[in-house]
């Protein structure tokens, strides 16, 4: 799962770590929060559909917004069967 996590209404400067449920808390943060200012970041912390949210100091409201779900593919499906085409279009400014 890929999600956007937002911290808001923090009472103290703090940091938030988002990590898979049941795993040890990492020594890194996903969000560095300044009291009174909202901050957001995209994270991929899910294990078996569960996550852990850790706030270091004070209190803060945390909002998790799911952006998408990642699936594990079998080794036989690692190659994409469809050819993707990327197009770049540039527009030149019109001149009088």
PDB file of N, CA and C in Angstrom:
ATOM      1  N   UNK A   1       0.841  -1.165   0.000  1.00  0.00           N
ATOM      2  CA  UNK A   1       0.000   0.000   0.000  1.00  0.00           C
ATOM      3  C   UNK A   1       0.896   1.242   0.000  1.00  0.00           C
ATOM      4  N   UNK A   2       0.493   2.200  -0.748  1.00  0.00           N
ATOM      5  CA  UNK A   2       1.173   3.498  -0.798  1.00  0.00           C
ATOM      6  C   UNK A   2       0.196   4.512  -0.216  1.00  0.00           C
ATOM      7  N   UNK A   3       0.693   5.307   0.728  1.00  0.00           N
ATOM      8  CA  UNK A   3      -0.215   6.272   1.341  1.00  0.00           C
ATOM      9  C   UNK A   3       0.471   7.598   1.609  1.00  0.00           C
ATOM     10  N   UNK A   4      -0.349   8.634   1.642  1.00  0.00           N
ATOM     11  CA  UNK A   4       0.110   9.957   2.015  1.00  0.00           C
ATOM     12  C   UNK A   4      -0.268  10.145   3.482  1.00  0.00           C
ATOM     13  N   UNK A   5       0.718  10.474   4.315  1.00  0.00           N
ATOM     14  CA  UNK A   5       0.458  10.697   5.734  1.00  0.00           C
ATOM     15  C   UNK A   5       0.663  12.179   6.025  1.00  0.00           C
ATOM     16  N   UNK A   6      -0.327  12.779   6.678  1.00  0.00           N
ATOM     17  CA  UNK A   6      -0.273  14.191   7.037  1.00  0.00           C
ATOM     18  C   UNK A   6      -0.339  14.332   8.551  1.00  0.00           C
ATOM     19  N   UNK A   7       0.548  15.141   9.105  1.00  0.00           N
ATOM     20  CA  UNK A   7       0.507  15.492  10.532  1.00  0.00           C
ATOM     21  C   UNK A   7      -0.002  16.923  10.634  1.00  0.00           C
ATOM     22  N   UNK A   8      -0.953  17.141  11.514  1.00  0.00           N
ATOM     23  CA  UNK A   8      -1.514  18.472  11.684  1.00  0.00           C
ATOM     24  C   UNK A   8      -1.871  18.692  13.154  1.00  0.00           C
ATOM     25  N   UNK A   9      -2.016  19.945  13.553  1.00  0.00           N
ATOM     26  CA  UNK A   9      -2.363  20.306  14.929  1.00  0.00           C
ATOM     27  C   UNK A   9      -1.346  19.810  15.951  1.00  0.00           C
ATOM     28  N   UNK A  10      -0.072  19.776  15.604  1.00  0.00           N
ATOM     29  CA  UNK A  10       0.965  19.327  16.539  1.00  0.00           C
ATOM     30  C   UNK A  10       1.138  20.338  17.666  1.00  0.00           C
ATOM     31  N   UNK A  11       1.278  19.831  18.878  1.00  0.00           N
ATOM     32  CA  UNK A  11       1.456  20.711  20.036  1.00  0.00           C
ATOM     33  C   UNK A  11       2.931  21.013  20.311  1.00  0.00           C
ATOM     34  N   UNK A  12       3.846  20.197  19.770  1.00  0.00           N
ATOM     35  CA  UNK A  12       5.293  20.381  19.945  1.00  0.00           C
ATOM     36  C   UNK A  12       5.995  20.087  18.626  1.00  0.00           C
ATOM     37  N   UNK A  13       7.209  20.591  18.474  1.00  0.00           N
ATOM     38  CA  UNK A  13       8.040  20.149  17.358  1.00  0.00           C
ATOM     39  C   UNK A  13       8.331  18.670  17.584  1.00  0.00           C
ATOM     40  N   UNK A  14       8.187  17.868  16.562  1.00  0.00           N
ATOM     41  CA  UNK A  14       8.292  16.424  16.722  1.00  0.00           C
ATOM     42  C   UNK A  14       8.665  15.771  15.410  1.00  0.00           C
ATOM     43  N   UNK A  15       8.752  14.475  15.429  1.00  0.00           N
ATOM     44  CA  UNK A  15       8.876  13.714  14.189  1.00  0.00           C
ATOM     45  C   UNK A  15       7.949  12.510  14.272  1.00  0.00           C
ATOM     46  N   UNK A  16       7.549  12.033  13.110  1.00  0.00           N
ATOM     47  CA  UNK A  16       6.651  10.886  13.016  1.00  0.00           C
ATOM     48  C   UNK A  16       7.321   9.820  12.167  1.00  0.00           C
ATOM     49  N   UNK A  17       7.305   8.596  12.670  1.00  0.00           N
ATOM     50  CA  UNK A  17       7.793   7.450  11.898  1.00  0.00           C
ATOM     51  C   UNK A  17       6.603   6.579  11.531  1.00  0.00           C
ATOM     52  N   UNK A  18       6.563   6.143  10.293  1.00  0.00           N
ATOM     53  CA  UNK A  18       5.524   5.242   9.802  1.00  0.00           C
ATOM     54  C   UNK A  18       6.247   3.997   9.319  1.00  0.00           C
ATOM     55  N   UNK A  19       5.857   2.834   9.849  1.00  0.00           N
ATOM     56  CA  UNK A  19       6.585   1.616   9.503  1.00  0.00           C
ATOM     57  C   UNK A  19       5.651   0.416   9.582  1.00  0.00           C
ATOM     58  N   UNK A  20       6.063  -0.726   9.000  1.00  0.00           N
ATOM     59  CA  UNK A  20       5.198  -1.906   8.989  1.00  0.00           C
ATOM     60  C   UNK A  20       4.857  -2.380  10.400  1.00  0.00           C
ATOM     61  N   UNK A  21       3.633  -2.783  10.599  1.00  0.00           N
ATOM     62  CA  UNK A  21       3.170  -3.305  11.875  1.00  0.00           C
ATOM     63  C   UNK A  21       4.003  -4.524  12.270  1.00  0.00           C
ATOM     64  N   UNK A  22       4.426  -4.555  13.531  1.00  0.00           N
ATOM     65  CA  UNK A  22       5.191  -5.685  14.032  1.00  0.00           C
ATOM     66  C   UNK A  22       6.692  -5.557  13.830  1.00  0.00           C
ATOM     67  N   UNK A  23       7.131  -4.589  13.039  1.00  0.00           N
ATOM     68  CA  UNK A  23       8.566  -4.379  12.802  1.00  0.00           C
ATOM     69  C   UNK A  23       9.129  -3.477  13.891  1.00  0.00           C
ATOM     70  N   UNK A  24      10.434  -3.509  14.059  1.00  0.00           N
ATOM     71  CA  UNK A  24      11.091  -2.595  14.989  1.00  0.00           C
ATOM     72  C   UNK A  24      11.005  -1.174  14.442  1.00  0.00           C
ATOM     73  N   UNK A  25      10.859  -0.212  15.355  1.00  0.00           N
ATOM     74  CA  UNK A  25      10.800   1.186  14.921  1.00  0.00           C
ATOM     75  C   UNK A  25      12.141   1.590  14.330  1.00  0.00           C
ATOM     76  N   UNK A  26      12.133   2.178  13.131  1.00  0.00           N
ATOM     77  CA  UNK A  26      13.390   2.592  12.499  1.00  0.00           C
ATOM     78  C   UNK A  26      13.989   3.823  13.180  1.00  0.00           C
ATOM     79  N   UNK A  27      15.243   4.082  12.896  1.00  0.00           N
ATOM     80  CA  UNK A  27      15.916   5.265  13.441  1.00  0.00           C
ATOM     81  C   UNK A  27      15.715   6.490  12.562  1.00  0.00           C
ATOM     82  N   UNK A  28      14.790   6.413  11.642  1.00  0.00           N
ATOM     83  CA  UNK A  28      14.525   7.515  10.719  1.00  0.00           C
ATOM     84  C   UNK A  28      13.076   7.969  10.864  1.00  0.00           C
ATOM     85  N   UNK A  29      12.812   9.169  10.373  1.00  0.00           N
ATOM     86  CA  UNK A  29      11.443   9.685  10.421  1.00  0.00           C
ATOM     87  C   UNK A  29      10.904   9.838   9.001  1.00  0.00           C
ATOM     88  N   UNK A  30       9.592   9.807   8.895  1.00  0.00           N
ATOM     89  CA  UNK A  30       8.931  10.070   7.622  1.00  0.00           C
ATOM     90  C   UNK A  30       8.442  11.511   7.548  1.00  0.00           C
ATOM     91  N   UNK A  31       8.156  12.087   8.712  1.00  0.00           N
ATOM     92  CA  UNK A  31       7.673  13.462   8.777  1.00  0.00           C
ATOM     93  C   UNK A  31       8.424  14.205   9.878  1.00  0.00           C
ATOM     94  N   UNK A  32       8.930  15.374   9.583  1.00  0.00           N
ATOM     95  CA  UNK A  32       9.505  16.268  10.585  1.00  0.00           C
ATOM     96  C   UNK A  32       8.514  17.408  10.763  1.00  0.00           C
ATOM     97  N   UNK A  33       7.959  17.496  11.952  1.00  0.00           N
ATOM     98  CA  UNK A  33       6.804  18.359  12.184  1.00  0.00           C
ATOM     99  C   UNK A  33       7.180  19.554  13.055  1.00  0.00           C
ATOM    100  N   UNK A  34       6.753  20.729  12.618  1.00  0.00           N
ATOM    101  CA  UNK A  34       6.879  21.957  13.406  1.00  0.00           C
ATOM    102  C   UNK A  34       5.513  22.240  14.015  1.00  0.00           C
ATOM    103  N   UNK A  35       5.476  22.528  15.317  1.00  0.00           N
ATOM    104  CA  UNK A  35       4.209  22.778  16.004  1.00  0.00           C
ATOM    105  C   UNK A  35       3.371  23.802  15.252  1.00  0.00           C
ATOM    106  N   UNK A  36       2.100  23.460  15.044  1.00  0.00           N
ATOM    107  CA  UNK A  36       1.175  24.388  14.414  1.00  0.00           C
ATOM    108  C   UNK A  36       1.208  24.421  12.899  1.00  0.00           C
ATOM    109  N   UNK A  37       2.095  23.644  12.265  1.00  0.00           N
ATOM    110  CA  UNK A  37       2.177  23.660  10.795  1.00  0.00           C
ATOM    111  C   UNK A  37       1.962  22.252  10.257  1.00  0.00           C
ATOM    112  N   UNK A  38       1.009  22.071   9.335  1.00  0.00           N
ATOM    113  CA  UNK A  38       0.793  20.743   8.772  1.00  0.00           C
ATOM    114  C   UNK A  38       1.936  20.350   7.830  1.00  0.00           C
ATOM    115  N   UNK A  39       2.226  19.060   7.776  1.00  0.00           N
ATOM    116  CA  UNK A  39       3.249  18.538   6.877  1.00  0.00           C
ATOM    117  C   UNK A  39       2.794  17.163   6.392  1.00  0.00           C
ATOM    118  N   UNK A  40       3.123  16.836   5.131  1.00  0.00           N
ATOM    119  CA  UNK A  40       2.704  15.555   4.554  1.00  0.00           C
ATOM    120  C   UNK A  40       3.866  14.899   3.828  1.00  0.00           C
ATOM    121  N   UNK A  41       3.774  13.584   3.657  1.00  0.00           N
ATOM    122  CA  UNK A  41       4.794  12.842   2.919  1.00  0.00           C
ATOM    123  C   UNK A  41       4.186  11.535   2.428  1.00  0.00           C
ATOM    124  N   UNK A  42       4.695  11.039   1.309  1.00  0.00           N
ATOM    125  CA  UNK A  42       4.255   9.768   0.735  1.00  0.00           C
ATOM    126  C   UNK A  42       5.087   8.645   1.333  1.00  0.00           C
ATOM    127  N   UNK A  43       4.438   7.582   1.809  1.00  0.00           N
ATOM    128  CA  UNK A  43       5.133   6.462   2.442  1.00  0.00           C
ATOM    129  C   UNK A  43       4.612   5.131   1.914  1.00  0.00           C
ATOM    130  N   UNK A  44       5.439   4.080   2.063  1.00  0.00           N
ATOM    131  CA  UNK A  44       5.061   2.716   1.664  1.00  0.00           C
ATOM    132  C   UNK A  44       5.403   1.782   2.837  1.00  0.00           C
ATOM    133  N   UNK A  45       4.619   1.815   3.937  1.00  0.00           N
ATOM    134  CA  UNK A  45       5.015   1.121   5.147  1.00  0.00           C
ATOM    135  C   UNK A  45       4.220  -0.128   5.507  1.00  0.00           C
ATOM    136  N   UNK A  46       3.498  -0.732   4.596  1.00  0.00           N
ATOM    137  CA  UNK A  46       2.491  -1.711   4.976  1.00  0.00           C
ATOM    138  C   UNK A  46       3.003  -3.154   4.983  1.00  0.00           C
ATOM    139  N   UNK A  47       2.573  -3.898   5.987  1.00  0.00           N
ATOM    140  CA  UNK A  47       2.820  -5.339   6.045  1.00  0.00           C
ATOM    141  C   UNK A  47       1.504  -5.991   6.438  1.00  0.00           C
ATOM    142  N   UNK A  48       1.011  -6.871   5.605  1.00  0.00           N
ATOM    143  CA  UNK A  48      -0.267  -7.546   5.870  1.00  0.00           C
ATOM    144  C   UNK A  48      -1.408  -6.555   6.109  1.00  0.00           C
ATOM    145  N   UNK A  49      -1.355  -5.420   5.422  1.00  0.00           N
ATOM    146  CA  UNK A  49      -2.416  -4.433   5.523  1.00  0.00           C
ATOM    147  C   UNK A  49      -2.401  -3.592   6.781  1.00  0.00           C
ATOM    148  N   UNK A  50      -1.299  -3.659   7.573  1.00  0.00           N
ATOM    149  CA  UNK A  50      -1.241  -2.920   8.835  1.00  0.00           C
ATOM    150  C   UNK A  50       0.006  -2.044   8.891  1.00  0.00           C
ATOM    151  N   UNK A  51      -0.120  -0.912   9.606  1.00  0.00           N
ATOM    152  CA  UNK A  51       1.019  -0.005   9.794  1.00  0.00           C
ATOM    153  C   UNK A  51       1.109   0.408  11.263  1.00  0.00           C
ATOM    154  N   UNK A  52       2.238   0.978  11.623  1.00  0.00           N
ATOM    155  CA  UNK A  52       2.418   1.576  12.946  1.00  0.00           C
ATOM    156  C   UNK A  52       2.800   3.038  12.735  1.00  0.00           C
ATOM    157  N   UNK A  53       2.178   3.923  13.499  1.00  0.00           N
ATOM    158  CA  UNK A  53       2.472   5.351  13.475  1.00  0.00           C
ATOM    159  C   UNK A  53       3.059   5.721  14.830  1.00  0.00           C
ATOM    160  N   UNK A  54       4.236   6.349  14.824  1.00  0.00           N
ATOM    161  CA  UNK A  54       4.898   6.742  16.063  1.00  0.00           C
ATOM    162  C   UNK A  54       5.130   8.249  16.053  1.00  0.00           C
ATOM    163  N   UNK A  55       4.631   8.934  17.076  1.00  0.00           N
ATOM    164  CA  UNK A  55       4.843  10.365  17.253  1.00  0.00           C
ATOM    165  C   UNK A  55       5.790  10.551  18.426  1.00  0.00           C
ATOM    166  N   UNK A  56       6.889  11.269  18.226  1.00  0.00           N
ATOM    167  CA  UNK A  56       7.939  11.379  19.232  1.00  0.00           C
ATOM    168  C   UNK A  56       7.584  12.283  20.421  1.00  0.00           C
ATOM    169  N   UNK A  57       6.920  13.408  20.196  1.00  0.00           N
ATOM    170  CA  UNK A  57       6.688  14.355  21.293  1.00  0.00           C
ATOM    171  C   UNK A  57       5.338  15.040  21.148  1.00  0.00           C
ATOM    172  N   UNK A  58       4.731  15.358  22.299  1.00  0.00           N
ATOM    173  CA  UNK A  58       3.462  16.074  22.281  1.00  0.00           C
ATOM    174  C   UNK A  58       2.351  15.242  21.670  1.00  0.00           C
ATOM    175  N   UNK A  59       1.387  15.919  21.114  1.00  0.00           N
ATOM    176  CA  UNK A  59       0.312  15.221  20.410  1.00  0.00           C
ATOM    177  C   UNK A  59       0.144  15.857  19.035  1.00  0.00           C
ATOM    178  N   UNK A  60      -0.319  15.052  18.105  1.00  0.00           N
ATOM    179  CA  UNK A  60      -0.573  15.530  16.747  1.00  0.00           C
ATOM    180  C   UNK A  60      -1.671  14.688  16.128  1.00  0.00           C
ATOM    181  N   UNK A  61      -2.441  15.273  15.252  1.00  0.00           N
ATOM    182  CA  UNK A  61      -3.434  14.516  14.495  1.00  0.00           C
ATOM    183  C   UNK A  61      -2.738  13.964  13.268  1.00  0.00           C
ATOM    184  N   UNK A  62      -2.937  12.683  12.997  1.00  0.00           N
ATOM    185  CA  UNK A  62      -2.342  12.037  11.829  1.00  0.00           C
ATOM    186  C   UNK A  62      -3.446  11.574  10.895  1.00  0.00           C
ATOM    187  N   UNK A  63      -3.277  11.880   9.623  1.00  0.00           N
ATOM    188  CA  UNK A  63      -4.253  11.522   8.601  1.00  0.00           C
ATOM    189  C   UNK A  63      -3.561  10.623   7.585  1.00  0.00           C
ATOM    190  N   UNK A  64      -4.106   9.433   7.358  1.00  0.00           N
ATOM    191  CA  UNK A  64      -3.567   8.516   6.357  1.00  0.00           C
ATOM    192  C   UNK A  64      -4.496   8.465   5.162  1.00  0.00           C
ATOM    193  N   UNK A  65      -3.968   8.734   3.993  1.00  0.00           N
ATOM    194  CA  UNK A  65      -4.758   8.783   2.759  1.00  0.00           C
ATOM    195  C   UNK A  65      -4.166   7.773   1.775  1.00  0.00           C
ATOM    196  N   UNK A  66      -4.837   6.652   1.571  1.00  0.00           N
ATOM    197  CA  UNK A  66      -4.327   5.592   0.693  1.00  0.00           C
ATOM    198  C   UNK A  66      -4.316   6.074  -0.755  1.00  0.00           C
ATOM    199  N   UNK A  67      -3.149   5.941  -1.396  1.00  0.00           N
ATOM    200  CA  UNK A  67      -2.979   6.362  -2.781  1.00  0.00           C
ATOM    201  C   UNK A  67      -3.038   5.197  -3.761  1.00  0.00           C
ATOM    202  N   UNK A  68      -2.685   4.005  -3.299  1.00  0.00           N
ATOM    203  CA  UNK A  68      -2.696   2.847  -4.183  1.00  0.00           C
ATOM    204  C   UNK A  68      -2.225   1.610  -3.446  1.00  0.00           C
ATOM    205  N   UNK A  69      -2.342   0.475  -4.131  1.00  0.00           N
ATOM    206  CA  UNK A  69      -1.959  -0.812  -3.564  1.00  0.00           C
ATOM    207  C   UNK A  69      -0.953  -1.468  -4.498  1.00  0.00           C
ATOM    208  N   UNK A  70       0.127  -1.974  -3.920  1.00  0.00           N
ATOM    209  CA  UNK A  70       1.149  -2.682  -4.692  1.00  0.00           C
ATOM    210  C   UNK A  70       0.900  -4.177  -4.571  1.00  0.00           C
ATOM    211  N   UNK A  71       1.057  -4.880  -5.667  1.00  0.00           N
ATOM    212  CA  UNK A  71       0.886  -6.332  -5.641  1.00  0.00           C
ATOM    213  C   UNK A  71       2.218  -6.998  -5.937  1.00  0.00           C
ATOM    214  N   UNK A  72       2.436  -8.143  -5.318  1.00  0.00           N
ATOM    215  CA  UNK A  72       3.619  -8.926  -5.607  1.00  0.00           C
ATOM    216  C   UNK A  72       3.319  -9.788  -6.826  1.00  0.00           C
ATOM    217  N   UNK A  73       4.201  -9.732  -7.820  1.00  0.00           N
ATOM    218  CA  UNK A  73       4.009 -10.507  -9.034  1.00  0.00           C
ATOM    219  C   UNK A  73       4.830 -11.786  -8.974  1.00  0.00           C
ATOM    220  N   UNK A  74       4.334 -12.817  -9.610  1.00  0.00           N
ATOM    221  CA  UNK A  74       5.113 -14.047  -9.705  1.00  0.00           C
ATOM    222  C   UNK A  74       6.293 -13.796 -10.637  1.00  0.00           C
ATOM    223  N   UNK A  75       7.373 -14.606 -10.532  1.00  0.00           N
ATOM    224  CA  UNK A  75       8.532 -14.401 -11.407  1.00  0.00           C
ATOM    225  C   UNK A  75       8.171 -14.447 -12.893  1.00  0.00           C
ATOM    226  N   UNK A  76       7.100 -15.140 -13.228  1.00  0.00           N
ATOM    227  CA  UNK A  76       6.689 -15.250 -14.632  1.00  0.00           C
ATOM    228  C   UNK A  76       6.020 -13.977 -15.135  1.00  0.00           C
ATOM    229  N   UNK A  77       5.665 -13.088 -14.226  1.00  0.00           N
ATOM    230  CA  UNK A  77       4.978 -11.863 -14.626  1.00  0.00           C
ATOM    231  C   UNK A  77       5.829 -10.625 -14.418  1.00  0.00           C
ATOM    232  N   UNK A  78       7.121 -10.802 -14.217  1.00  0.00           N
ATOM    233  CA  UNK A  78       7.976  -9.639 -14.001  1.00  0.00           C
ATOM    234  C   UNK A  78       8.112  -8.782 -15.252  1.00  0.00           C
ATOM    235  N   UNK A  79       8.027  -9.407 -16.398  1.00  0.00           N
ATOM    236  CA  UNK A  79       8.107  -8.658 -17.660  1.00  0.00           C
ATOM    237  C   UNK A  79       6.720  -8.179 -18.026  1.00  0.00           C
ATOM    238  N   UNK A  80       6.602  -6.946 -18.333  1.00  0.00           N
ATOM    239  CA  UNK A  80       5.328  -6.382 -18.728  1.00  0.00           C
ATOM    240  C   UNK A  80       4.984  -6.856 -20.135  1.00  0.00           C
ATOM    241  N   UNK A  81       3.804  -7.392 -20.281  1.00  0.00           N
ATOM    242  CA  UNK A  81       3.401  -7.916 -21.584  1.00  0.00           C
ATOM    243  C   UNK A  81       2.947  -6.820 -22.535  1.00  0.00           C
ATOM    244  N   UNK A  82       2.707  -5.654 -22.018  1.00  0.00           N
ATOM    245  CA  UNK A  82       2.256  -4.548 -22.856  1.00  0.00           C
ATOM    246  C   UNK A  82       3.390  -3.552 -23.033  1.00  0.00           C
ATOM    247  N   UNK A  83       3.509  -3.040 -24.207  1.00  0.00           N
ATOM    248  CA  UNK A  83       4.517  -2.019 -24.469  1.00  0.00           C
ATOM    249  C   UNK A  83       3.914  -0.658 -24.163  1.00  0.00           C
ATOM    250  N   UNK A  84       4.564   0.070 -23.291  1.00  0.00           N
ATOM    251  CA  UNK A  84       4.097   1.411 -22.964  1.00  0.00           C
ATOM    252  C   UNK A  84       4.803   2.416 -23.860  1.00  0.00           C
ATOM    253  N   UNK A  85       4.070   3.400 -24.286  1.00  0.00           N
ATOM    254  CA  UNK A  85       4.646   4.449 -25.109  1.00  0.00           C
ATOM    255  C   UNK A  85       4.553   5.755 -24.338  1.00  0.00           C
ATOM    256  N   UNK A  86       5.663   6.437 -24.281  1.00  0.00           N
ATOM    257  CA  UNK A  86       5.696   7.738 -23.625  1.00  0.00           C
ATOM    258  C   UNK A  86       5.864   8.803 -24.707  1.00  0.00           C
ATOM    259  N   UNK A  87       5.067   9.827 -24.611  1.00  0.00           N
ATOM    260  CA  UNK A  87       5.141  10.903 -25.595  1.00  0.00           C
ATOM    261  C   UNK A  87       5.450  12.205 -24.888  1.00  0.00           C
ATOM    262  N   UNK A  88       6.308  12.946 -25.493  1.00  0.00           N
ATOM    263  CA  UNK A  88       6.641  14.269 -24.982  1.00  0.00           C
ATOM    264  C   UNK A  88       6.178  15.283 -26.010  1.00  0.00           C
ATOM    265  N   UNK A  89       5.331  16.178 -25.592  1.00  0.00           N
ATOM    266  CA  UNK A  89       4.854  17.220 -26.504  1.00  0.00           C
ATOM    267  C   UNK A  89       5.293  18.558 -25.952  1.00  0.00           C
ATOM    268  N   UNK A  90       5.905  19.313 -26.794  1.00  0.00           N
ATOM    269  CA  UNK A  90       6.334  20.644 -26.378  1.00  0.00           C
ATOM    270  C   UNK A  90       5.529  21.675 -27.152  1.00  0.00           C
ATOM    271  N   UNK A  91       5.169  22.694 -26.456  1.00  0.00           N
ATOM    272  CA  UNK A  91       4.420  23.775 -27.106  1.00  0.00           C
ATOM    273  C   UNK A  91       5.320  24.982 -27.168  1.00  0.00           C
ATOM    274  N   UNK A  92       5.391  25.516 -28.326  1.00  0.00           N
ATOM    275  CA  UNK A  92       6.139  26.767 -28.482  1.00  0.00           C
ATOM    276  C   UNK A  92       5.197  27.917 -28.274  1.00  0.00           C
ATOM    277  N   UNK A  93       5.659  28.946 -27.596  1.00  0.00           N
ATOM    278  CA  UNK A  93       4.781  30.098 -27.393  1.00  0.00           C
ATOM    279  C   UNK A  93       4.445  30.731 -28.736  1.00  0.00           C
ATOM    280  N   UNK A  94       3.204  31.140 -28.870  1.00  0.00           N
ATOM    281  CA  UNK A  94       2.817  31.803 -30.122  1.00  0.00           C
ATOM    282  C   UNK A  94       3.428  33.194 -30.180  1.00  0.00           C
ATOM    283  N   UNK A  95       3.821  33.556 -31.333  1.00  0.00           N
ATOM    284  CA  UNK A  95       4.434  34.879 -31.495  1.00  0.00           C
ATOM    285  C   UNK A  95       3.484  35.764 -32.303  1.00  0.00           C
ATOM    286  N   UNK A  96       3.372  37.021 -31.908  1.00  0.00           N
ATOM    287  CA  UNK A  96       2.441  37.929 -32.619  1.00  0.00           C
ATOM    288  C   UNK A  96       2.923  38.244 -34.019  1.00  0.00           C
TER     289      UNK A  96
END
